[in-house]
C-alpha cells in the first residue's frame, strides 16, 4: 500500500487535553501507515484535508518552537494519544526522538 507522506508546520507540539488522565498531549504525527481495523484514532481524519483513507497517510509535524517548560510544570503530558509515535517513519524523521531529547535536556519531567 502506498502511504501519502507530507510535512506540516505546527506552532506548538503541546495541545491542551480533554482526557481525564492528562493535562496536555503531544502527537508527533497525524495518521499512520498501519490501517489497524481496531484503531480508535480514525476520527482524527476529519481534522485533516486528506482524501486518503485512514491508515494510508502520515503527516510529519515540524515545530520551530521549544516546548514551553513553564506551561507544563506540575502538569501531566501524554505522548501520542492518537498516533503511533514510533511508526516506521520515525526512523527517518525522528520527530519523537527530538521531542524526547528536548524534554530530557530541559528537565521538565518529574519522577
PDB file of N, CA and C in Angstrom:
ATOM      1  N   UNK A   1       0.830  -1.181   0.000  1.00  0.00           N
ATOM      2  CA  UNK A   1       0.000   0.000   0.000  1.00  0.00           C
ATOM      3  C   UNK A   1       0.879   1.251   0.000  1.00  0.00           C
ATOM      4  N   UNK A   2       0.542   2.201  -0.842  1.00  0.00           N
ATOM      5  CA  UNK A   2       1.254   3.476  -0.845  1.00  0.00           C
ATOM      6  C   UNK A   2       0.735   4.345   0.290  1.00  0.00           C
ATOM      7  N   UNK A   3       1.654   5.061   0.918  1.00  0.00           N
ATOM      8  CA  UNK A   3       1.302   5.952   2.015  1.00  0.00           C
ATOM      9  C   UNK A   3       1.635   7.376   1.593  1.00  0.00           C
ATOM     10  N   UNK A   4       0.679   8.271   1.718  1.00  0.00           N
ATOM     11  CA  UNK A   4       0.890   9.682   1.436  1.00  0.00           C
ATOM     12  C   UNK A   4       1.596  10.301   2.641  1.00  0.00           C
ATOM     13  N   UNK A   5       2.779  10.856   2.408  1.00  0.00           N
ATOM     14  CA  UNK A   5       3.571  11.458   3.486  1.00  0.00           C
ATOM     15  C   UNK A   5       3.738  12.936   3.181  1.00  0.00           C
ATOM     16  N   UNK A   6       3.414  13.769   4.172  1.00  0.00           N
ATOM     17  CA  UNK A   6       3.634  15.196   3.977  1.00  0.00           C
ATOM     18  C   UNK A   6       4.064  15.828   5.292  1.00  0.00           C
ATOM     19  N   UNK A   7       4.859  16.870   5.191  1.00  0.00           N
ATOM     20  CA  UNK A   7       5.314  17.606   6.369  1.00  0.00           C
ATOM     21  C   UNK A   7       4.344  18.759   6.629  1.00  0.00           C
ATOM     22  N   UNK A   8       4.025  18.958   7.902  1.00  0.00           N
ATOM     23  CA  UNK A   8       3.167  20.071   8.270  1.00  0.00           C
ATOM     24  C   UNK A   8       3.836  20.864   9.387  1.00  0.00           C
ATOM     25  N   UNK A   9       3.689  22.173   9.351  1.00  0.00           N
ATOM     26  CA  UNK A   9       4.224  23.040  10.403  1.00  0.00           C
ATOM     27  C   UNK A   9       3.157  23.205  11.480  1.00  0.00           C
ATOM     28  N   UNK A  10       3.604  23.178  12.722  1.00  0.00           N
ATOM     29  CA  UNK A  10       2.717  23.427  13.845  1.00  0.00           C
ATOM     30  C   UNK A  10       3.357  24.481  14.737  1.00  0.00           C
ATOM     31  N   UNK A  11       2.541  25.277  15.411  1.00  0.00           N
ATOM     32  CA  UNK A  11       3.066  26.327  16.279  1.00  0.00           C
ATOM     33  C   UNK A  11       3.613  25.748  17.576  1.00  0.00           C
ATOM     34  N   UNK A  12       3.053  24.606  17.977  1.00  0.00           N
ATOM     35  CA  UNK A  12       3.420  24.018  19.262  1.00  0.00           C
ATOM     36  C   UNK A  12       3.133  22.522  19.216  1.00  0.00           C
ATOM     37  N   UNK A  13       4.043  21.740  19.749  1.00  0.00           N
ATOM     38  CA  UNK A  13       3.779  20.302  19.840  1.00  0.00           C
ATOM     39  C   UNK A  13       2.732  20.006  20.910  1.00  0.00           C
ATOM     40  N   UNK A  14       2.636  20.868  21.914  1.00  0.00           N
ATOM     41  CA  UNK A  14       1.695  20.665  23.011  1.00  0.00           C
ATOM     42  C   UNK A  14       0.281  21.051  22.603  1.00  0.00           C
ATOM     43  N   UNK A  15      -0.666  20.217  22.999  1.00  0.00           N
ATOM     44  CA  UNK A  15      -2.073  20.520  22.810  1.00  0.00           C
ATOM     45  C   UNK A  15      -2.771  20.310  24.140  1.00  0.00           C
ATOM     46  N   UNK A  16      -3.615  21.254  24.534  1.00  0.00           N
ATOM     47  CA  UNK A  16      -4.392  21.102  25.748  1.00  0.00           C
ATOM     48  C   UNK A  16      -5.273  19.876  25.596  1.00  0.00           C
ATOM     49  N   UNK A  17      -5.316  19.048  26.626  1.00  0.00           N
ATOM     50  CA  UNK A  17      -6.030  17.774  26.549  1.00  0.00           C
ATOM     51  C   UNK A  17      -7.385  17.835  27.250  1.00  0.00           C
ATOM     52  N   UNK A  18      -8.334  17.115  26.702  1.00  0.00           N
ATOM     53  CA  UNK A  18      -9.625  16.904  27.356  1.00  0.00           C
ATOM     54  C   UNK A  18      -9.686  15.524  28.000  1.00  0.00           C
ATOM     55  N   UNK A  19      -8.586  14.803  27.926  1.00  0.00           N
ATOM     56  CA  UNK A  19      -8.543  13.472  28.533  1.00  0.00           C
ATOM     57  C   UNK A  19      -8.475  13.604  30.051  1.00  0.00           C
ATOM     58  N   UNK A  20      -9.147  12.725  30.775  1.00  0.00           N
ATOM     59  CA  UNK A  20      -9.127  12.838  32.239  1.00  0.00           C
ATOM     60  C   UNK A  20      -7.759  12.553  32.862  1.00  0.00           C
ATOM     61  N   UNK A  21      -6.909  11.835  32.162  1.00  0.00           N
ATOM     62  CA  UNK A  21      -5.628  11.416  32.746  1.00  0.00           C
ATOM     63  C   UNK A  21      -4.454  12.335  32.399  1.00  0.00           C
ATOM     64  N   UNK A  22      -4.687  13.371  31.597  1.00  0.00           N
ATOM     65  CA  UNK A  22      -3.559  14.233  31.237  1.00  0.00           C
ATOM     66  C   UNK A  22      -4.015  15.660  30.987  1.00  0.00           C
ATOM     67  N   UNK A  23      -3.100  16.575  31.237  1.00  0.00           N
ATOM     68  CA  UNK A  23      -3.378  17.996  31.007  1.00  0.00           C
ATOM     69  C   UNK A  23      -3.066  18.407  29.574  1.00  0.00           C
ATOM     70  N   UNK A  24      -2.013  17.790  29.007  1.00  0.00           N
ATOM     71  CA  UNK A  24      -1.586  18.084  27.649  1.00  0.00           C
ATOM     72  C   UNK A  24      -1.283  16.788  26.911  1.00  0.00           C
ATOM     73  N   UNK A  25      -1.338  16.841  25.577  1.00  0.00           N
ATOM     74  CA  UNK A  25      -0.904  15.721  24.746  1.00  0.00           C
ATOM     75  C   UNK A  25       0.109  16.245  23.730  1.00  0.00           C
ATOM     76  N   UNK A  26       0.966  15.347  23.297  1.00  0.00           N
ATOM     77  CA  UNK A  26       1.902  15.620  22.206  1.00  0.00           C
ATOM     78  C   UNK A  26       1.732  14.481  21.207  1.00  0.00           C
ATOM     79  N   UNK A  27       1.330  14.827  19.997  1.00  0.00           N
ATOM     80  CA  UNK A  27       1.203  13.856  18.921  1.00  0.00           C
ATOM     81  C   UNK A  27       2.168  14.263  17.810  1.00  0.00           C
ATOM     82  N   UNK A  28       3.316  13.578  17.714  1.00  0.00           N
ATOM     83  CA  UNK A  28       4.342  13.964  16.744  1.00  0.00           C
ATOM     84  C   UNK A  28       3.936  13.768  15.286  1.00  0.00           C
ATOM     85  N   UNK A  29       2.933  12.957  15.066  1.00  0.00           N
ATOM     86  CA  UNK A  29       2.463  12.646  13.717  1.00  0.00           C
ATOM     87  C   UNK A  29       0.946  12.735  13.695  1.00  0.00           C
ATOM     88  N   UNK A  30       0.397  12.888  12.493  1.00  0.00           N
ATOM     89  CA  UNK A  30      -1.043  12.762  12.284  1.00  0.00           C
ATOM     90  C   UNK A  30      -1.211  11.599  11.327  1.00  0.00           C
ATOM     91  N   UNK A  31      -2.050  10.655  11.698  1.00  0.00           N
ATOM     92  CA  UNK A  31      -2.225   9.472  10.865  1.00  0.00           C
ATOM     93  C   UNK A  31      -1.143   8.445  11.131  1.00  0.00           C
ATOM     94  N   UNK A  32      -1.208   7.373  10.367  1.00  0.00           N
ATOM     95  CA  UNK A  32      -0.203   6.322  10.464  1.00  0.00           C
ATOM     96  C   UNK A  32      -0.333   5.409   9.253  1.00  0.00           C
ATOM     97  N   UNK A  33       0.653   4.570   9.024  1.00  0.00           N
ATOM     98  CA  UNK A  33       0.602   3.688   7.854  1.00  0.00           C
ATOM     99  C   UNK A  33       0.015   2.307   8.150  1.00  0.00           C
ATOM    100  N   UNK A  34      -0.491   2.074   9.350  1.00  0.00           N
ATOM    101  CA  UNK A  34      -0.885   0.721   9.749  1.00  0.00           C
ATOM    102  C   UNK A  34      -2.274   0.289   9.298  1.00  0.00           C
ATOM    103  N   UNK A  35      -3.235   1.208   9.306  1.00  0.00           N
ATOM    104  CA  UNK A  35      -4.629   0.897   8.952  1.00  0.00           C
ATOM    105  C   UNK A  35      -5.213  -0.207   9.821  1.00  0.00           C
ATOM    106  N   UNK A  36      -4.933  -0.167  11.102  1.00  0.00           N
ATOM    107  CA  UNK A  36      -5.475  -1.170  12.025  1.00  0.00           C
ATOM    108  C   UNK A  36      -7.001  -1.092  12.050  1.00  0.00           C
ATOM    109  N   UNK A  37      -7.651  -2.206  11.952  1.00  0.00           N
ATOM    110  CA  UNK A  37      -9.114  -2.247  11.951  1.00  0.00           C
ATOM    111  C   UNK A  37      -9.700  -1.815  13.284  1.00  0.00           C
ATOM    112  N   UNK A  38      -8.953  -1.972  14.364  1.00  0.00           N
ATOM    113  CA  UNK A  38      -9.437  -1.627  15.707  1.00  0.00           C
ATOM    114  C   UNK A  38      -9.014  -0.230  16.154  1.00  0.00           C
ATOM    115  N   UNK A  39      -8.464   0.568  15.280  1.00  0.00           N
ATOM    116  CA  UNK A  39      -7.921   1.877  15.647  1.00  0.00           C
ATOM    117  C   UNK A  39      -9.021   2.802  16.167  1.00  0.00           C
ATOM    118  N   UNK A  40      -8.811   3.363  17.348  1.00  0.00           N
ATOM    119  CA  UNK A  40      -9.766   4.311  17.926  1.00  0.00           C
ATOM    120  C   UNK A  40      -9.500   5.743  17.448  1.00  0.00           C
ATOM    121  N   UNK A  41      -8.364   5.985  16.786  1.00  0.00           N
ATOM    122  CA  UNK A  41      -7.973   7.336  16.411  1.00  0.00           C
ATOM    123  C   UNK A  41      -8.420   7.727  15.003  1.00  0.00           C
ATOM    124  N   UNK A  42      -9.131   6.874  14.318  1.00  0.00           N
ATOM    125  CA  UNK A  42      -9.502   7.169  12.932  1.00  0.00           C
ATOM    126  C   UNK A  42     -10.383   8.418  12.811  1.00  0.00           C
ATOM    127  N   UNK A  43     -11.024   8.829  13.900  1.00  0.00           N
ATOM    128  CA  UNK A  43     -11.830  10.048  13.878  1.00  0.00           C
ATOM    129  C   UNK A  43     -10.974  11.281  13.561  1.00  0.00           C
ATOM    130  N   UNK A  44      -9.654  11.167  13.750  1.00  0.00           N
ATOM    131  CA  UNK A  44      -8.750  12.295  13.509  1.00  0.00           C
ATOM    132  C   UNK A  44      -8.722  12.722  12.040  1.00  0.00           C
ATOM    133  N   UNK A  45      -9.124  11.843  11.160  1.00  0.00           N
ATOM    134  CA  UNK A  45      -9.097  12.184   9.728  1.00  0.00           C
ATOM    135  C   UNK A  45      -9.937  13.414   9.440  1.00  0.00           C
ATOM    136  N   UNK A  46     -11.027  13.597  10.155  1.00  0.00           N
ATOM    137  CA  UNK A  46     -11.894  14.747   9.882  1.00  0.00           C
ATOM    138  C   UNK A  46     -11.215  16.095  10.162  1.00  0.00           C
ATOM    139  N   UNK A  47     -10.100  16.082  10.891  1.00  0.00           N
ATOM    140  CA  UNK A  47      -9.367  17.308  11.178  1.00  0.00           C
ATOM    141  C   UNK A  47      -8.249  17.564  10.163  1.00  0.00           C
ATOM    142  N   UNK A  48      -8.143  16.700   9.184  1.00  0.00           N
ATOM    143  CA  UNK A  48      -7.124  16.833   8.141  1.00  0.00           C
ATOM    144  C   UNK A  48      -7.808  17.185   6.819  1.00  0.00           C
ATOM    145  N   UNK A  49      -7.020  17.457   5.825  1.00  0.00           N
ATOM    146  CA  UNK A  49      -7.574  17.703   4.489  1.00  0.00           C
ATOM    147  C   UNK A  49      -7.320  16.503   3.583  1.00  0.00           C
ATOM    148  N   UNK A  50      -7.065  15.363   4.190  1.00  0.00           N
ATOM    149  CA  UNK A  50      -6.747  14.171   3.409  1.00  0.00           C
ATOM    150  C   UNK A  50      -7.989  13.544   2.796  1.00  0.00           C
ATOM    151  N   UNK A  51      -7.838  13.118   1.547  1.00  0.00           N
ATOM    152  CA  UNK A  51      -8.875  12.334   0.889  1.00  0.00           C
ATOM    153  C   UNK A  51      -8.554  10.848   1.012  1.00  0.00           C
ATOM    154  N   UNK A  52      -7.300  10.554   1.345  1.00  0.00           N
ATOM    155  CA  UNK A  52      -6.872   9.163   1.510  1.00  0.00           C
ATOM    156  C   UNK A  52      -7.582   8.562   2.727  1.00  0.00           C
ATOM    157  N   UNK A  53      -7.729   7.259   2.710  1.00  0.00           N
ATOM    158  CA  UNK A  53      -8.363   6.592   3.846  1.00  0.00           C
ATOM    159  C   UNK A  53      -7.405   6.563   5.040  1.00  0.00           C
ATOM    160  N   UNK A  54      -7.987   6.455   6.229  1.00  0.00           N
ATOM    161  CA  UNK A  54      -7.200   6.365   7.452  1.00  0.00           C
ATOM    162  C   UNK A  54      -6.276   5.152   7.349  1.00  0.00           C
ATOM    163  N   UNK A  55      -5.033   5.347   7.681  1.00  0.00           N
ATOM    164  CA  UNK A  55      -4.053   4.278   7.575  1.00  0.00           C
ATOM    165  C   UNK A  55      -3.238   4.350   6.295  1.00  0.00           C
ATOM    166  N   UNK A  56      -3.554   5.335   5.459  1.00  0.00           N
ATOM    167  CA  UNK A  56      -2.788   5.474   4.215  1.00  0.00           C
ATOM    168  C   UNK A  56      -2.150   6.860   4.083  1.00  0.00           C
ATOM    169  N   UNK A  57      -2.081   7.585   5.202  1.00  0.00           N
ATOM    170  CA  UNK A  57      -1.374   8.868   5.194  1.00  0.00           C
ATOM    171  C   UNK A  57      -0.705   9.110   6.541  1.00  0.00           C
ATOM    172  N   UNK A  58       0.381   9.863   6.489  1.00  0.00           N
ATOM    173  CA  UNK A  58       1.087  10.291   7.690  1.00  0.00           C
ATOM    174  C   UNK A  58       1.548  11.722   7.464  1.00  0.00           C
ATOM    175  N   UNK A  59       1.170  12.590   8.392  1.00  0.00           N
ATOM    176  CA  UNK A  59       1.683  13.953   8.383  1.00  0.00           C
ATOM    177  C   UNK A  59       2.801  14.025   9.415  1.00  0.00           C
ATOM    178  N   UNK A  60       3.934  14.517   8.980  1.00  0.00           N
ATOM    179  CA  UNK A  60       5.106  14.643   9.841  1.00  0.00           C
ATOM    180  C   UNK A  60       5.076  16.052  10.429  1.00  0.00           C
ATOM    181  N   UNK A  61       4.903  16.168  11.728  1.00  0.00           N
ATOM    182  CA  UNK A  61       4.838  17.500  12.343  1.00  0.00           C
ATOM    183  C   UNK A  61       6.226  18.090  12.517  1.00  0.00           C
ATOM    184  N   UNK A  62       6.333  19.368  12.164  1.00  0.00           N
ATOM    185  CA  UNK A  62       7.559  20.127  12.387  1.00  0.00           C
ATOM    186  C   UNK A  62       7.192  21.362  13.196  1.00  0.00           C
ATOM    187  N   UNK A  63       8.037  21.695  14.163  1.00  0.00           N
ATOM    188  CA  UNK A  63       7.785  22.846  15.019  1.00  0.00           C
ATOM    189  C   UNK A  63       9.127  23.505  15.323  1.00  0.00           C
ATOM    190  N   UNK A  64       9.198  24.791  15.092  1.00  0.00           N
ATOM    191  CA  UNK A  64      10.446  25.512  15.342  1.00  0.00           C
ATOM    192  C   UNK A  64      10.576  25.941  16.805  1.00  0.00           C
ATOM    193  N   UNK A  65       9.481  25.912  17.545  1.00  0.00           N
ATOM    194  CA  UNK A  65       9.481  26.356  18.938  1.00  0.00           C
ATOM    195  C   UNK A  65       9.746  25.197  19.892  1.00  0.00           C
ATOM    196  N   UNK A  66      10.500  25.492  20.941  1.00  0.00           N
ATOM    197  CA  UNK A  66      10.697  24.519  22.006  1.00  0.00           C
ATOM    198  C   UNK A  66       9.410  24.390  22.816  1.00  0.00           C
ATOM    199  N   UNK A  67       9.258  23.273  23.470  1.00  0.00           N
ATOM    200  CA  UNK A  67       8.120  23.092  24.365  1.00  0.00           C
ATOM    201  C   UNK A  67       8.277  24.054  25.536  1.00  0.00           C
ATOM    202  N   UNK A  68       7.223  24.772  25.844  1.00  0.00           N
ATOM    203  CA  UNK A  68       7.225  25.744  26.923  1.00  0.00           C
ATOM    204  C   UNK A  68       7.221  25.026  28.271  1.00  0.00           C
ATOM    205  N   UNK A  69       8.381  25.010  28.911  1.00  0.00           N
ATOM    206  CA  UNK A  69       8.551  24.270  30.159  1.00  0.00           C
ATOM    207  C   UNK A  69       7.634  24.808  31.257  1.00  0.00           C
ATOM    208  N   UNK A  70       7.498  26.114  31.347  1.00  0.00           N
ATOM    209  CA  UNK A  70       6.660  26.687  32.412  1.00  0.00           C
ATOM    210  C   UNK A  70       5.185  26.312  32.233  1.00  0.00           C
ATOM    211  N   UNK A  71       4.775  26.077  31.008  1.00  0.00           N
ATOM    212  CA  UNK A  71       3.393  25.700  30.708  1.00  0.00           C
ATOM    213  C   UNK A  71       3.056  24.306  31.246  1.00  0.00           C
ATOM    214  N   UNK A  72       4.039  23.423  31.280  1.00  0.00           N
ATOM    215  CA  UNK A  72       3.771  22.035  31.684  1.00  0.00           C
ATOM    216  C   UNK A  72       4.286  21.689  33.079  1.00  0.00           C
ATOM    217  N   UNK A  73       4.913  22.643  33.743  1.00  0.00           N
ATOM    218  CA  UNK A  73       5.446  22.366  35.084  1.00  0.00           C
ATOM    219  C   UNK A  73       4.306  21.956  36.015  1.00  0.00           C
ATOM    220  N   UNK A  74       4.459  20.794  36.623  1.00  0.00           N
ATOM    221  CA  UNK A  74       3.439  20.266  37.525  1.00  0.00           C
ATOM    222  C   UNK A  74       2.231  19.678  36.826  1.00  0.00           C
ATOM    223  N   UNK A  75       2.284  19.581  35.510  1.00  0.00           N
ATOM    224  CA  UNK A  75       1.171  19.042  34.711  1.00  0.00           C
ATOM    225  C   UNK A  75       1.549  17.686  34.145  1.00  0.00           C
ATOM    226  N   UNK A  76       0.556  16.950  33.702  1.00  0.00           N
ATOM    227  CA  UNK A  76       0.823  15.657  33.060  1.00  0.00           C
ATOM    228  C   UNK A  76       0.742  15.827  31.545  1.00  0.00           C
ATOM    229  N   UNK A  77       1.639  15.120  30.855  1.00  0.00           N
ATOM    230  CA  UNK A  77       1.716  15.179  29.397  1.00  0.00           C
ATOM    231  C   UNK A  77       1.657  13.753  28.860  1.00  0.00           C
ATOM    232  N   UNK A  78       0.760  13.517  27.939  1.00  0.00           N
ATOM    233  CA  UNK A  78       0.545  12.202  27.333  1.00  0.00           C
ATOM    234  C   UNK A  78       1.170  12.245  25.938  1.00  0.00           C
ATOM    235  N   UNK A  79       2.141  11.399  25.705  1.00  0.00           N
ATOM    236  CA  UNK A  79       2.782  11.319  24.391  1.00  0.00           C
ATOM    237  C   UNK A  79       2.026  10.339  23.513  1.00  0.00           C
ATOM    238  N   UNK A  80       1.521  10.829  22.386  1.00  0.00           N
ATOM    239  CA  UNK A  80       0.865  10.016  21.361  1.00  0.00           C
ATOM    240  C   UNK A  80      -0.481   9.443  21.794  1.00  0.00           C
ATOM    241  N   UNK A  81      -1.423  10.319  21.987  1.00  0.00           N
ATOM    242  CA  UNK A  81      -2.770   9.876  22.347  1.00  0.00           C
ATOM    243  C   UNK A  81      -3.564   9.392  21.137  1.00  0.00           C
ATOM    244  N   UNK A  82      -3.234   9.878  19.939  1.00  0.00           N
ATOM    245  CA  UNK A  82      -3.981   9.479  18.740  1.00  0.00           C
ATOM    246  C   UNK A  82      -3.076   9.201  17.541  1.00  0.00           C
ATOM    247  N   UNK A  83      -1.877   8.726  17.808  1.00  0.00           N
ATOM    248  CA  UNK A  83      -0.963   8.367  16.723  1.00  0.00           C
ATOM    249  C   UNK A  83       0.070   7.385  17.261  1.00  0.00           C
ATOM    250  N   UNK A  84       0.725   6.705  16.375  1.00  0.00           N
ATOM    251  CA  UNK A  84       1.831   5.828  16.751  1.00  0.00           C
ATOM    252  C   UNK A  84       3.106   6.662  16.674  1.00  0.00           C
ATOM    253  N   UNK A  85       3.675   6.988  17.815  1.00  0.00           N
ATOM    254  CA  UNK A  85       4.857   7.856  17.807  1.00  0.00           C
ATOM    255  C   UNK A  85       6.103   7.122  17.316  1.00  0.00           C
ATOM    256  N   UNK A  86       6.032   5.818  17.195  1.00  0.00           N
ATOM    257  CA  UNK A  86       7.151   5.041  16.657  1.00  0.00           C
ATOM    258  C   UNK A  86       6.729   4.290  15.396  1.00  0.00           C
ATOM    259  N   UNK A  87       5.969   4.963  14.556  1.00  0.00           N
ATOM    260  CA  UNK A  87       5.603   4.367  13.266  1.00  0.00           C
ATOM    261  C   UNK A  87       6.871   4.258  12.412  1.00  0.00           C
ATOM    262  N   UNK A  88       6.826   3.549  11.312  1.00  0.00           N
ATOM    263  CA  UNK A  88       8.037   3.343  10.508  1.00  0.00           C
ATOM    264  C   UNK A  88       8.726   4.632  10.038  1.00  0.00           C
ATOM    265  N   UNK A  89       8.007   5.742   9.966  1.00  0.00           N
ATOM    266  CA  UNK A  89       8.601   6.999   9.515  1.00  0.00           C
ATOM    267  C   UNK A  89       9.446   7.661  10.589  1.00  0.00           C
ATOM    268  N   UNK A  90       9.321   7.226  11.822  1.00  0.00           N
ATOM    269  CA  UNK A  90      10.148   7.762  12.905  1.00  0.00           C
ATOM    270  C   UNK A  90      11.623   7.491  12.646  1.00  0.00           C
ATOM    271  N   UNK A  91      11.931   6.370  12.018  1.00  0.00           N
ATOM    272  CA  UNK A  91      13.332   6.039  11.722  1.00  0.00           C
ATOM    273  C   UNK A  91      13.980   7.131  10.860  1.00  0.00           C
ATOM    274  N   UNK A  92      13.240   7.676   9.927  1.00  0.00           N
ATOM    275  CA  UNK A  92      13.782   8.708   9.042  1.00  0.00           C
ATOM    276  C   UNK A  92      13.651  10.114   9.643  1.00  0.00           C
ATOM    277  N   UNK A  93      12.479  10.459  10.167  1.00  0.00           N
ATOM    278  CA  UNK A  93      12.216  11.841  10.575  1.00  0.00           C
ATOM    279  C   UNK A  93      12.573  12.145  12.034  1.00  0.00           C
ATOM    280  N   UNK A  94      12.559  11.143  12.891  1.00  0.00           N
ATOM    281  CA  UNK A  94      12.998  11.277  14.290  1.00  0.00           C
ATOM    282  C   UNK A  94      12.296  12.408  15.057  1.00  0.00           C
ATOM    283  N   UNK A  95      11.009  12.600  14.801  1.00  0.00           N
ATOM    284  CA  UNK A  95      10.256  13.644  15.494  1.00  0.00           C
ATOM    285  C   UNK A  95      10.104  13.289  16.972  1.00  0.00           C
ATOM    286  N   UNK A  96       9.689  12.074  17.264  1.00  0.00           N
ATOM    287  CA  UNK A  96       9.528  11.638  18.653  1.00  0.00           C
ATOM    288  C   UNK A  96      10.848  11.731  19.394  1.00  0.00           C
ATOM    289  N   UNK A  97      11.904  11.272  18.757  1.00  0.00           N
ATOM    290  CA  UNK A  97      13.227  11.335  19.385  1.00  0.00           C
ATOM    291  C   UNK A  97      13.611  12.773  19.729  1.00  0.00           C
ATOM    292  N   UNK A  98      13.376  13.687  18.803  1.00  0.00           N
ATOM    293  CA  UNK A  98      13.696  15.092  19.036  1.00  0.00           C
ATOM    294  C   UNK A  98      12.901  15.678  20.188  1.00  0.00           C
ATOM    295  N   UNK A  99      11.631  15.329  20.264  1.00  0.00           N
ATOM    296  CA  UNK A  99      10.787  15.801  21.364  1.00  0.00           C
ATOM    297  C   UNK A  99      11.310  15.265  22.688  1.00  0.00           C
ATOM    298  N   UNK A 100      11.605  13.978  22.739  1.00  0.00           N
ATOM    299  CA  UNK A 100      12.105  13.379  23.990  1.00  0.00           C
ATOM    300  C   UNK A 100      13.468  13.946  24.380  1.00  0.00           C
ATOM    301  N   UNK A 101      14.335  14.175  23.419  1.00  0.00           N
ATOM    302  CA  UNK A 101      15.633  14.776  23.731  1.00  0.00           C
ATOM    303  C   UNK A 101      15.450  16.184  24.296  1.00  0.00           C
ATOM    304  N   UNK A 102      14.498  16.929  23.750  1.00  0.00           N
ATOM    305  CA  UNK A 102      14.213  18.266  24.262  1.00  0.00           C
ATOM    306  C   UNK A 102      13.660  18.236  25.671  1.00  0.00           C
ATOM    307  N   UNK A 103      12.791  17.278  25.932  1.00  0.00           N
ATOM    308  CA  UNK A 103      12.216  17.112  27.272  1.00  0.00           C
ATOM    309  C   UNK A 103      13.320  16.800  28.281  1.00  0.00           C
ATOM    310  N   UNK A 104      14.195  15.898  27.923  1.00  0.00           N
ATOM    311  CA  UNK A 104      15.274  15.492  28.826  1.00  0.00           C
ATOM    312  C   UNK A 104      16.249  16.650  29.053  1.00  0.00           C
ATOM    313  N   UNK A 105      16.620  17.353  27.996  1.00  0.00           N
ATOM    314  CA  UNK A 105      17.616  18.417  28.144  1.00  0.00           C
ATOM    315  C   UNK A 105      17.088  19.583  28.973  1.00  0.00           C
ATOM    316  N   UNK A 106      15.775  19.810  28.948  1.00  0.00           N
ATOM    317  CA  UNK A 106      15.208  20.909  29.730  1.00  0.00           C
ATOM    318  C   UNK A 106      14.615  20.419  31.052  1.00  0.00           C
ATOM    319  N   UNK A 107      14.688  19.134  31.291  1.00  0.00           N
ATOM    320  CA  UNK A 107      14.266  18.515  32.555  1.00  0.00           C
ATOM    321  C   UNK A 107      12.901  19.003  33.048  1.00  0.00           C
ATOM    322  N   UNK A 108      11.914  18.961  32.171  1.00  0.00           N
ATOM    323  CA  UNK A 108      10.606  19.382  32.625  1.00  0.00           C
ATOM    324  C   UNK A 108       9.764  18.214  33.125  1.00  0.00           C
ATOM    325  N   UNK A 109      10.389  17.081  33.328  1.00  0.00           N
ATOM    326  CA  UNK A 109       9.695  15.896  33.827  1.00  0.00           C
ATOM    327  C   UNK A 109       9.939  15.736  35.320  1.00  0.00           C
ATOM    328  N   UNK A 110       9.098  14.949  35.931  1.00  0.00           N
ATOM    329  CA  UNK A 110       9.306  14.596  37.330  1.00  0.00           C
ATOM    330  C   UNK A 110       9.166  13.088  37.473  1.00  0.00           C
ATOM    331  N   UNK A 111       9.875  12.550  38.412  1.00  0.00           N
ATOM    332  CA  UNK A 111       9.850  11.100  38.605  1.00  0.00           C
ATOM    333  C   UNK A 111       9.193  10.788  39.927  1.00  0.00           C
TER     334      UNK A 111
END
